[in-house]
Each structure stands twice: as structure tokens, then as C-alpha cells.
Protein backbone atom coordinates (compact mmCIF):
# COMPACT_ATOMS: atom_id res chain seq x y z
CA MET A 1 -39.28 -2.19 18.29
CA LEU A 2 -40.15 0.08 15.35
CA TRP A 3 -41.25 2.87 17.67
CA LEU A 4 -37.95 2.63 19.54
CA TYR A 5 -36.10 2.90 16.20
CA ARG A 6 -38.15 5.95 15.29
CA LEU A 7 -37.61 7.52 18.68
CA LEU A 8 -33.84 7.05 18.62
CA PHE A 9 -33.28 7.87 14.95
CA LEU A 10 -33.32 11.67 15.20
CA PRO A 11 -31.00 11.93 18.25
CA ALA A 12 -28.62 9.48 16.58
CA MET A 13 -28.77 11.48 13.35
CA LEU A 14 -27.99 14.72 15.20
CA LEU A 15 -25.04 13.12 16.98
CA ALA A 16 -23.66 11.70 13.71
CA SER A 17 -24.36 14.82 11.61
CA PRO A 18 -20.97 16.57 12.21
CA PHE A 19 -19.16 13.50 10.87
CA TYR A 20 -21.42 13.15 7.84
CA LEU A 21 -21.46 16.88 7.09
CA ARG A 22 -17.68 16.95 7.20
CA ARG A 23 -17.50 14.01 4.80
CA MET A 24 -20.10 15.56 2.49
CA ILE A 25 -18.19 18.85 2.35
CA LYS A 26 -14.93 17.01 1.74
CA ARG A 27 -16.33 14.92 -1.10
CA GLY A 28 -18.53 17.66 -2.50
CA GLY A 29 -21.41 17.41 -4.95
CA TYR A 30 -24.20 17.03 -2.38
CA ARG A 31 -25.89 20.41 -2.87
CA ALA A 32 -27.90 19.30 -5.90
CA GLY A 33 -30.79 17.14 -4.76
CA PHE A 34 -30.09 17.67 -1.06
CA GLY A 35 -33.82 17.94 -0.31
CA HIS A 36 -34.38 14.41 -1.63
CA ARG A 37 -33.09 13.10 1.69
CA PHE A 38 -36.05 14.73 3.42
CA GLY A 39 -38.74 13.60 1.00
CA GLU A 40 -38.46 16.28 -1.70
CA VAL A 41 -38.70 13.84 -4.60
CA PRO A 42 -37.97 15.07 -8.15
CA VAL A 43 -41.08 15.66 -10.24
CA LEU A 44 -42.11 12.28 -11.67
CA PRO A 45 -44.58 11.62 -14.49
CA ALA A 46 -48.04 10.25 -13.75
CA LYS A 47 -48.20 6.48 -13.39
CA ARG A 48 -49.23 4.59 -16.51
CA PRO A 49 -51.84 1.82 -16.55
CA GLY A 50 -50.34 -1.63 -17.03
CA VAL A 51 -46.81 -0.41 -16.21
CA ALA A 52 -45.23 -1.18 -12.82
CA ARG A 53 -43.44 1.64 -11.09
CA VAL A 54 -40.18 0.26 -9.67
CA TRP A 55 -38.10 2.01 -7.02
CA LEU A 56 -34.52 0.77 -7.26
CA GLN A 57 -31.98 1.76 -4.59
CA ALA A 58 -28.25 1.26 -5.20
CA VAL A 59 -25.86 2.78 -2.67
CA SER A 60 -22.93 3.95 -4.75
CA VAL A 61 -21.03 3.68 -8.03
CA GLY A 62 -20.26 -0.05 -7.93
CA GLU A 63 -23.83 -1.07 -7.21
CA LEU A 64 -25.17 1.36 -9.81
CA LEU A 65 -22.91 0.03 -12.54
CA ALA A 66 -23.93 -3.53 -11.67
CA MET A 67 -27.59 -2.56 -12.16
CA GLY A 68 -26.98 -1.19 -15.67
CA PRO A 69 -28.01 -4.24 -17.73
CA LEU A 70 -31.09 -4.80 -15.56
CA LEU A 71 -32.17 -1.16 -15.84
CA LYS A 72 -31.92 -1.45 -19.59
CA ARG A 73 -33.98 -4.66 -19.62
CA LEU A 74 -36.68 -3.13 -17.42
CA ALA A 75 -36.96 -0.11 -19.72
CA GLU A 76 -37.00 -2.19 -22.90
CA SER A 77 -39.67 -4.54 -21.57
CA GLY A 78 -42.34 -1.85 -21.58
CA ARG A 79 -43.64 -3.41 -18.36
CA ALA A 80 -41.85 -1.18 -15.86
CA GLU A 81 -40.66 2.35 -15.24
CA VAL A 82 -37.86 2.92 -12.73
CA TYR A 83 -37.24 5.63 -10.17
CA LEU A 84 -33.56 5.23 -9.27
CA THR A 85 -32.04 6.38 -5.99
CA THR A 86 -28.55 6.30 -4.58
CA THR A 87 -26.76 7.44 -1.43
CA THR A 88 -23.47 9.06 -2.43
CA SER A 89 -22.74 12.16 -4.49
CA THR A 90 -20.53 10.17 -6.87
CA GLY A 91 -23.31 7.63 -7.30
CA TYR A 92 -25.81 10.40 -7.98
CA ALA A 93 -23.56 11.93 -10.66
CA ILE A 94 -23.05 8.55 -12.35
CA ALA A 95 -26.78 7.75 -12.22
CA LYS A 96 -27.69 11.09 -13.82
CA GLU A 97 -25.05 10.63 -16.52
CA LYS A 98 -25.65 6.98 -17.42
CA TYR A 99 -29.27 6.20 -16.66
CA ALA A 100 -31.34 9.29 -17.43
CA GLY A 101 -32.59 7.58 -20.60
CA VAL A 102 -33.82 4.41 -18.89
CA THR A 103 -35.41 5.90 -15.75
CA ILE A 104 -38.24 8.30 -14.96
CA GLY A 105 -36.12 10.08 -12.37
CA VAL A 106 -32.93 9.95 -10.31
CA GLY A 107 -32.70 11.00 -6.67
CA TYR A 108 -31.04 10.47 -3.33
CA PHE A 109 -32.41 7.83 -0.98
CA PRO A 110 -34.27 9.49 1.93
CA LEU A 111 -33.08 9.39 5.50
CA ASP A 112 -34.78 6.39 7.09
CA TRP A 113 -36.99 8.29 9.51
CA TRP A 114 -40.75 7.75 9.28
CA LEU A 115 -41.68 11.29 8.14
CA PHE A 116 -39.01 11.50 5.42
CA SER A 117 -39.58 7.92 4.26
CA ARG A 118 -43.39 8.21 4.27
CA ARG A 119 -43.22 11.47 2.32
CA THR A 120 -41.01 9.88 -0.33
CA TRP A 121 -43.25 6.82 -0.59
CA GLN A 122 -46.34 9.01 -1.04
CA ARG A 123 -44.68 10.82 -3.93
CA VAL A 124 -43.04 7.86 -5.68
CA GLN A 125 -45.94 5.38 -5.23
CA PRO A 126 -43.94 2.30 -6.24
CA ASP A 127 -45.44 -1.06 -7.13
CA LEU A 128 -42.15 -2.91 -6.58
CA VAL A 129 -39.03 -2.07 -4.56
CA LEU A 130 -35.60 -3.37 -5.54
CA LEU A 131 -32.63 -3.08 -3.19
CA ALA A 132 -29.06 -3.72 -4.33
CA GLU A 133 -26.72 -6.03 -2.41
CA SER A 134 -27.33 -5.45 1.32
CA GLU A 135 -29.65 -2.46 1.77
CA LEU A 136 -32.11 -3.07 4.60
CA TRP A 137 -33.69 -0.01 6.20
CA PRO A 138 -36.39 -0.68 8.82
CA GLU A 139 -38.59 2.31 8.00
CA HIS A 140 -38.30 1.73 4.25
CA LEU A 141 -39.35 -1.90 4.71
CA THR A 142 -42.19 -0.87 7.03
CA GLN A 143 -43.59 1.54 4.45
CA ALA A 144 -43.47 -1.25 1.86
CA LYS A 145 -45.28 -3.68 4.17
CA ARG A 146 -48.04 -1.18 4.95
CA ARG A 147 -48.68 -0.69 1.25
CA SER A 148 -48.33 -4.40 0.40
CA VAL A 149 -45.50 -3.58 -2.00
CA PRO A 150 -43.08 -6.49 -2.60
CA VAL A 151 -39.40 -5.93 -1.86
CA VAL A 152 -36.67 -7.87 -3.67
CA LEU A 153 -33.02 -7.87 -2.60
CA LEU A 154 -30.89 -8.08 -5.77
CA ASN A 155 -27.30 -9.25 -6.09
CA ALA A 156 -27.58 -9.91 -2.37
CA ARG A 157 -24.41 -10.43 -0.39
CA LEU A 158 -23.22 -10.32 3.21
CA SER A 159 -19.70 -9.25 4.06
CA ASP A 160 -17.95 -10.95 6.99
CA ARG A 161 -18.55 -7.90 9.17
CA SER A 162 -22.22 -7.55 8.24
CA PHE A 163 -22.79 -11.27 8.77
CA ARG A 164 -21.20 -11.19 12.23
CA ARG A 165 -23.26 -8.17 13.25
CA LEU A 166 -26.51 -9.68 12.01
CA LEU A 167 -25.81 -13.00 13.74
CA ALA A 168 -25.42 -11.07 16.99
CA VAL A 169 -28.97 -9.72 16.54
CA LYS A 170 -30.40 -12.71 14.71
CA THR A 171 -33.97 -12.21 15.94
CA LEU A 172 -33.99 -8.59 14.75
CA ALA A 173 -32.39 -9.56 11.43
CA ALA A 174 -35.00 -12.27 10.88
CA SER A 175 -37.78 -9.74 11.47
CA LEU A 176 -36.33 -7.48 8.76
CA TYR A 177 -35.89 -10.31 6.25
CA ARG A 178 -39.51 -11.36 6.82
CA ARG A 179 -40.49 -8.10 5.13
CA VAL A 180 -38.53 -9.00 1.99
CA ALA A 181 -40.45 -11.01 -0.59
CA ARG A 182 -37.42 -12.47 -2.35
CA ILE A 183 -33.65 -12.53 -1.95
CA LEU A 184 -31.37 -13.21 -4.93
CA PRO A 185 -27.90 -14.00 -3.50
CA SER A 186 -24.84 -13.38 -5.62
CA SER A 187 -23.18 -16.64 -4.51
CA GLU A 188 -23.91 -19.92 -2.71
CA GLN A 189 -21.82 -18.68 0.22
CA ASP A 190 -24.14 -15.69 0.58
CA ALA A 191 -27.21 -17.92 0.25
CA GLY A 192 -25.89 -20.06 3.09
CA ARG A 193 -25.41 -17.02 5.28
CA PHE A 194 -28.97 -15.85 4.66
CA ARG A 195 -30.21 -19.32 5.68
CA GLN A 196 -28.21 -19.09 8.91
CA LEU A 197 -29.97 -15.80 9.61
CA GLY A 198 -33.31 -17.54 9.38
CA VAL A 199 -34.35 -16.74 5.82
CA PRO A 200 -36.52 -19.60 4.50
CA GLY A 201 -35.09 -21.48 1.55
CA GLU A 202 -38.16 -20.78 -0.60
CA LYS A 203 -37.32 -17.05 -0.49
CA LEU A 204 -33.82 -17.64 -1.86
CA THR A 205 -32.63 -18.13 -5.43
CA THR A 206 -28.92 -17.85 -6.15
CA THR A 207 -28.69 -15.86 -9.36
CA GLY A 208 -24.98 -14.99 -9.38
CA ASN A 209 -23.23 -11.65 -9.41
CA LEU A 210 -24.72 -9.01 -11.72
CA LYS A 211 -21.30 -7.38 -12.03
CA PHE A 212 -20.28 -10.17 -14.40
CA ASP A 213 -22.87 -9.00 -16.92
CA VAL A 214 -21.75 -5.39 -17.06
CA SER A 215 -20.37 -4.74 -20.53
CA ILE A 216 -17.26 -2.53 -20.53
CA PRO A 217 -16.57 -0.94 -23.94
CA GLU A 218 -12.99 -1.84 -24.82
CA LEU A 219 -10.79 0.85 -26.30
CA ASP A 220 -9.37 0.31 -29.76
CA PRO A 221 -5.54 0.40 -30.05
CA TRP A 222 -5.41 4.01 -31.27
CA THR A 223 -7.68 5.31 -28.48
CA ARG A 224 -5.76 3.35 -25.88
CA SER A 225 -2.50 4.81 -27.18
CA MET A 226 -3.92 8.33 -27.01
CA LEU A 227 -5.13 7.75 -23.45
CA ARG A 228 -1.66 6.62 -22.43
CA ARG A 229 -0.24 9.86 -23.80
CA GLU A 230 -2.86 11.89 -21.92
CA LEU A 231 -1.71 10.19 -18.73
CA GLY A 232 1.97 10.85 -19.48
CA PHE A 233 2.77 7.25 -20.41
CA THR A 234 4.41 5.74 -23.48
CA ASP A 235 3.20 2.83 -25.62
CA THR A 236 6.29 0.78 -24.80
CA GLN A 237 6.68 1.04 -21.03
CA LEU A 238 4.80 -1.28 -18.72
CA VAL A 239 2.06 0.26 -16.58
CA VAL A 240 1.17 -0.93 -13.06
CA LEU A 241 -2.29 0.09 -11.87
CA GLY A 242 -3.32 0.51 -8.24
CA SER A 243 -7.08 0.01 -8.59
CA SER A 244 -9.23 1.73 -5.92
CA THR A 245 -6.35 2.05 -3.48
CA TRP A 246 -6.61 2.86 0.22
CA PRO A 247 -4.06 4.40 2.61
CA GLY A 248 -0.74 2.57 2.73
CA GLU A 249 -1.23 0.83 -0.60
CA GLU A 250 0.08 3.75 -2.68
CA LEU A 251 3.36 3.57 -0.77
CA ALA A 252 3.69 -0.17 -1.46
CA LEU A 253 3.16 0.42 -5.18
CA LEU A 254 5.63 3.31 -5.22
CA ARG A 255 8.21 0.97 -3.72
CA LEU A 256 7.44 -1.56 -6.46
CA LEU A 257 8.02 1.17 -9.06
CA GLU A 258 11.31 2.23 -7.47
CA ARG A 259 12.57 -1.35 -7.11
CA ALA A 260 11.67 -2.15 -10.71
CA ARG A 261 13.48 0.94 -11.94
CA ARG A 262 16.60 0.04 -9.93
CA ASP A 263 16.53 -3.47 -11.40
CA GLY A 264 16.28 -2.17 -14.97
CA VAL A 265 12.58 -2.84 -15.55
CA ILE A 266 11.18 0.29 -17.15
CA CYS A 267 7.62 0.90 -15.98
CA GLN A 268 5.20 3.60 -14.91
CA LEU A 269 2.57 3.74 -12.17
CA LEU A 270 -1.11 4.67 -12.36
CA LEU A 271 -2.76 5.23 -8.96
CA VAL A 272 -6.56 5.40 -8.81
CA PRO A 273 -7.57 6.00 -5.18
CA ARG A 274 -10.98 4.74 -4.06
CA HIS A 275 -11.80 8.25 -2.84
CA ALA A 276 -10.68 11.08 -5.09
CA GLU A 277 -10.63 13.53 -2.18
CA ARG A 278 -7.48 11.76 -0.95
CA ARG A 279 -5.55 13.51 -3.72
CA GLY A 280 -3.89 15.91 -1.23
CA GLU A 281 -2.65 13.01 0.88
CA ILE A 282 -1.24 11.27 -2.20
CA GLU A 283 0.33 14.50 -3.44
CA ALA A 284 2.13 14.84 -0.10
CA LEU A 285 3.43 11.27 -0.42
CA LEU A 286 4.64 11.83 -3.97
CA GLY A 287 6.31 15.07 -2.90
CA THR A 288 8.71 13.07 -0.72
CA ARG A 289 10.10 11.14 -3.68
CA PRO A 290 12.20 12.20 -6.72
CA LEU A 291 9.47 11.38 -9.24
CA ASN A 292 7.55 13.23 -11.93
CA TRP A 293 3.80 12.97 -11.38
CA GLN A 294 0.51 14.31 -12.63
CA LEU A 295 -3.05 14.53 -11.29
CA ARG A 296 -5.61 13.43 -13.88
CA SER A 297 -8.05 16.06 -12.57
CA ARG A 298 -5.66 18.82 -13.69
CA GLY A 299 -5.78 17.82 -17.33
CA ASN A 300 -3.49 15.99 -19.70
CA ALA A 301 0.15 15.48 -18.84
CA MET A 302 2.49 17.83 -20.72
CA GLY A 303 5.17 15.15 -21.04
CA LEU A 304 6.28 11.79 -19.65
CA VAL A 305 5.59 11.12 -15.97
CA ASP A 306 6.59 8.40 -13.56
CA VAL A 307 3.24 8.41 -11.76
CA CYS A 308 -0.25 9.50 -12.77
CA VAL A 309 -2.98 9.83 -10.14
CA GLY A 310 -6.43 9.06 -11.55
CA ASP A 311 -8.32 11.32 -9.12
CA THR A 312 -11.47 11.49 -11.26
CA THR A 313 -14.87 9.85 -10.97
CA GLY A 314 -16.23 7.11 -13.22
CA GLU A 315 -13.04 6.48 -15.22
CA LEU A 316 -11.65 3.37 -13.57
CA ALA A 317 -12.89 0.93 -16.24
CA LYS A 318 -11.32 3.07 -18.95
CA LEU A 319 -8.06 3.64 -17.11
CA THR A 320 -7.72 -0.08 -16.35
CA GLN A 321 -7.31 -0.71 -20.06
CA VAL A 322 -3.88 0.93 -20.20
CA ALA A 323 -2.52 -1.35 -17.45
CA ASP A 324 -0.27 -4.39 -17.82
CA LEU A 325 -0.61 -5.43 -14.17
CA VAL A 326 -3.35 -4.54 -11.67
CA PHE A 327 -3.25 -4.43 -7.88
CA ILE A 328 -6.72 -4.52 -6.27
CA GLY A 329 -7.04 -2.01 -3.45
CA LYS A 330 -8.37 -2.15 0.11
CA SER A 331 -6.75 -5.56 0.46
CA LEU A 332 -3.38 -4.92 2.16
CA PRO A 333 -3.42 -4.83 5.99
CA PRO A 334 -4.65 -2.93 7.87
CA ASN A 335 -7.23 -2.42 5.11
CA GLU A 336 -9.93 -5.07 4.95
CA GLY A 337 -12.77 -6.02 2.60
CA GLY A 338 -11.21 -5.49 -0.81
CA GLN A 339 -12.49 -3.74 -3.89
CA THR A 340 -14.02 -5.69 -6.76
CA PRO A 341 -11.62 -7.59 -9.04
CA ILE A 342 -14.37 -8.42 -11.54
CA GLU A 343 -13.98 -5.47 -13.92
CA ALA A 344 -10.21 -5.86 -14.20
CA ALA A 345 -10.61 -9.60 -14.81
CA SER A 346 -13.20 -8.95 -17.54
CA LEU A 347 -10.62 -6.78 -19.30
CA GLY A 348 -8.04 -9.55 -19.15
CA LYS A 349 -5.62 -8.12 -16.61
CA PRO A 350 -3.26 -10.18 -14.42
CA LEU A 351 -4.10 -9.43 -10.80
CA LEU A 352 -2.45 -8.98 -7.45
CA PHE A 353 -4.35 -8.52 -4.20
CA GLY A 354 -3.71 -8.70 -0.48
CA PRO A 355 -5.29 -11.02 2.10
CA GLY A 356 -8.12 -8.61 2.96
CA MET A 357 -10.53 -9.61 0.17
CA SER A 358 -13.38 -10.76 2.45
CA ASN A 359 -16.03 -8.81 0.54
CA PHE A 360 -15.05 -10.74 -2.60
CA ARG A 361 -13.81 -13.95 -1.00
CA VAL A 362 -15.46 -16.30 -3.51
CA ALA A 363 -14.25 -14.33 -6.53
CA ALA A 364 -10.73 -13.92 -5.11
CA ALA A 365 -10.40 -17.63 -4.37
CA ALA A 366 -11.65 -18.56 -7.84
CA LEU A 367 -9.27 -16.13 -9.53
CA ARG A 368 -6.33 -17.60 -7.65
CA GLU A 369 -7.45 -21.15 -8.40
CA CYS A 370 -7.71 -20.55 -12.15
CA GLY A 371 -4.33 -18.83 -12.25
CA ALA A 372 -5.54 -15.29 -12.93
CA ALA A 373 -4.43 -13.73 -9.63
CA ILE A 374 -1.68 -13.90 -7.01
CA LEU A 375 -2.18 -13.29 -3.30
CA VAL A 376 0.44 -11.01 -1.72
CA ALA A 377 0.63 -11.03 2.07
CA ASP A 378 2.24 -7.62 2.58
CA GLU A 379 4.18 -4.78 1.03
CA VAL A 380 7.30 -6.91 0.61
CA GLU A 381 5.38 -9.43 -1.48
CA VAL A 382 3.74 -6.66 -3.51
CA VAL A 383 7.24 -5.63 -4.56
CA ASP A 384 8.65 -9.15 -5.06
CA GLN A 385 5.67 -10.69 -6.84
CA GLY A 386 4.97 -7.53 -8.82
CA LEU A 387 8.54 -7.35 -10.05
CA ALA A 388 8.52 -11.05 -11.01
CA LEU A 389 5.39 -10.52 -13.11
CA LEU A 390 6.74 -7.40 -14.78
CA ARG A 391 9.73 -9.48 -15.89
CA ASP A 392 7.62 -12.39 -17.16
CA GLU A 393 5.52 -11.45 -20.18
CA LYS A 394 4.39 -15.04 -20.85
CA ARG A 395 3.06 -15.47 -17.34
CA ARG A 396 1.19 -12.17 -17.54
CA ALA A 397 -0.40 -13.28 -20.80
CA ALA A 398 -1.45 -16.63 -19.30
CA MET A 399 -2.97 -14.89 -16.28
CA ALA A 400 -4.81 -12.44 -18.52
CA ALA A 401 -6.32 -15.27 -20.58
CA ALA A 402 -7.36 -17.09 -17.41
CA ALA A 403 -9.03 -13.92 -16.08
CA ARG A 404 -11.11 -13.48 -19.24
CA ALA A 405 -12.12 -17.14 -19.29
CA TRP A 406 -13.18 -17.00 -15.63
CA HIS A 407 -15.25 -13.90 -16.24
CA THR A 408 -17.01 -15.38 -19.28
CA ALA A 409 -17.83 -18.59 -17.40
CA ASN A 410 -19.59 -16.64 -14.65
CA GLN A 411 -21.92 -14.51 -16.77
CA GLY A 412 -25.70 -14.94 -16.85
CA ALA A 413 -26.79 -13.39 -13.54
CA MET A 414 -28.88 -10.74 -15.27
CA GLU A 415 -31.02 -13.28 -17.13
CA ARG A 416 -31.53 -15.32 -13.96
CA SER A 417 -32.45 -12.19 -12.00
CA TRP A 418 -34.85 -11.05 -14.71
CA HIS A 419 -36.57 -14.43 -14.63
CA GLU A 420 -37.18 -14.00 -10.89
CA LEU A 421 -38.42 -10.41 -11.24
CA GLU A 422 -40.92 -11.07 -14.03
CA ARG A 423 -43.43 -12.52 -11.55
CA TYR A 424 -43.78 -9.04 -10.01
CA LEU A 425 -44.40 -7.21 -13.30
CA PRO A 426 -47.57 -6.90 -15.39
CA ALA A 427 -47.91 -9.44 -18.19
CA GLY A 428 -46.11 -8.51 -21.39
CA LYS A 429 -48.07 -7.17 -24.31
């Protein structure tokens, strides 16, 4: 089976390359480190006796941010040094910015063909491989097996789509999971799905979601006020945030803004699209409406605006702090999967999201149950429920308190994950 994968990989890569090259050009930022994908690893220091070299792969920004507390713990322990890889250009930029001080190097994950993977393995020489959430690459796992290097799947989760696909090829999935030493699911639901795929119970320990342990520095009142002014907002008007929005959701939020204005509720709108390169599409949408607007990427607003578009990278946690109400993106049909509500909840924000929250089903259900979030079925309910919350300050405050309490109650995943990882590290000094 492995030889068939190797044989088909290059033709498949060539067929898919126009799509990926187009996306890379559109998103930009891939020139630096491009050779990493073919095994050109950054220069790494010589391995140190008594210190495990850990290769940690996290696909993009969300996964990288979730790994922050664990990266810090690994560095502080003195028992490990981490080579960190990612897949996207935004992830690479964030990794270089945030984690240069707690890693021995940052690179792109290699293409999963035997020559590129083997070359990377020969240069990194890891003693332990950590994979974030759902990363399973056959060649990568094969290289680990041949070198007897343990692989641990951290913060492991299976979306509905991934689970369905893996169930359809259950025998193949089981063969991949056999090459993983330990799986640390982020929820009991995920643990159950891994069991259905044939993962033995002794390989599984539910540690919880590492995203709950990410500490977001909260802005003081003066800094928050200055940020509002930079965005073209006032200190007195309510701000609705579209958090990591996808196509169609910006229009729903614009209609909420317009309805609120007609009904005498003075508010402003902050749109943070999941992909910043959609700025042109959002500009075109805004150009059809009699509104003042500003792109964050073009600098500070020169005056008050109706809408600010946060088309920058790595600012969502900061921008969330100016909001009075947050809509979680990728959740309104036809979008499906949802973006994470955890960061907004940790900052004490009342939440709205659509029915497409399958990637965060457990969290979404818990947030609704504790009174921190409201499910909106469609655009009409975005407008109706959003307007009702904008009019009801007491309800927003109660939802905000419930969100913070829920977040606090779910912390501790990092300590549980660390406890599981210690068995693979040299003894402490």
C-alpha cells in the first residue's frame, strides 16, 4: 500500500499544483522557506546529550496558538528542544514571530513524498514527533516507524467530514493509527470516534482542548479605547464583530447593522474575514451600500466609520476585545464546520453562531447550554437575535459572565497533556 501511495503521490501533486500555486500566489508569503517543502531544512544546532529533539507540526494559526503553552513548557523543562513546522504562510509568519525564543528552528512541513520526507528526517533527527489535532501523513509516519521514533497526536479531534471519510476506509485508517504511539483527544466525543476507527483504548487519554489554556493578554481600558479609535469606532457605540467570517456571512451582518440603525440602535460593525485575501470581495460588497468603511491593512481610520474590515493577520484576539457582540464565522449555511468560539468566550463575549458548528460541536452545545451563546438558523435570525441582544444590555452581560465561567471550568488540558508527554522525555535534572 505504501508503494502505491508513493507511486501516485507525484502525479497527484502535479495535477493539484495549479490549484495550490494559485492559492499560494493569492495569499502570498510563501517565497521565504519555500525549499523546506522539499527537504531544505533550516540550519539547526547540533543535538545535545540528555535533551530530546521534538518535531512538532501544527497546520495553521489556530493550531499554532493552541500549542503556545506547551511549547513554553517544553522549553522551560530543559528536557526538550523543539523544531516547529507549519503548513500555511500565515502560520509560518506567526510561528516566526511568537515562538522563535522557545524553538531551535521554524520551517514548513515537507511534502509527504518519500524523498522529501526522508531528507527532512535525516536533517532534523527527531527523538519524538508531535502532531496537532488531525495530522496523519503516511510517509511521515513511515519514516518515524523506521527510526523507532514515537509519534503522539495532540489535541486530537475528528471533524464530521474527516470521521466519515476515515470510516469509509477503516482498514487503512487503522493501519495509520497503529503507527501512532499515543492519541490525546480533545473531547470524549473525539475519543469515541477514535475507538470506532479501531484505536485501542490503551492508546487514548482524553486530555481536553489545549485552546482553553491559551492566555490572551487583555487590553486595559485606555488601550482598548485607543484601538477603537484606530478602527474608526467610538467608546459609546456598540460594536458587532464578525469573527473569521466566510462568504455570505458579511452580508448577513451588514443587514443586522442596517436594521439596527433603522430601529434607532446606534452600532458599528467589525468584519474579520477568515482569509484576508478576500478583502477585494468584501470591498465590492461594501461598495454597494451607503456606508463609510475602512480596511485595517490600510492604516488607522481618519474618522468615524460604519464598518471596519480587519484584513490583517494575527490580530483577531486583540480585535475581539473591542466587541460587544460576536458572531462566529463559517457557521451559516452553506458554510459548514465553524470557527472556534473558545477565544471569544475566554474574553467574555456574548456569542451568536449558525447551525454549521460541527468542528466545534461539543463546545457549541456547551456554550448554548450554559447561556453564553445563541444559535441562529439563518440570516433572518442573525438580524432578529442580534438586534434583540444589542437592545438588552443585561442579557449581554449575563451571557458574557457565562462564557468566562465556561472557559475557566474547561482549563487544564496543557497539564494533562504534559503529564502524558513526560514519559517520552529524558528524566529531569
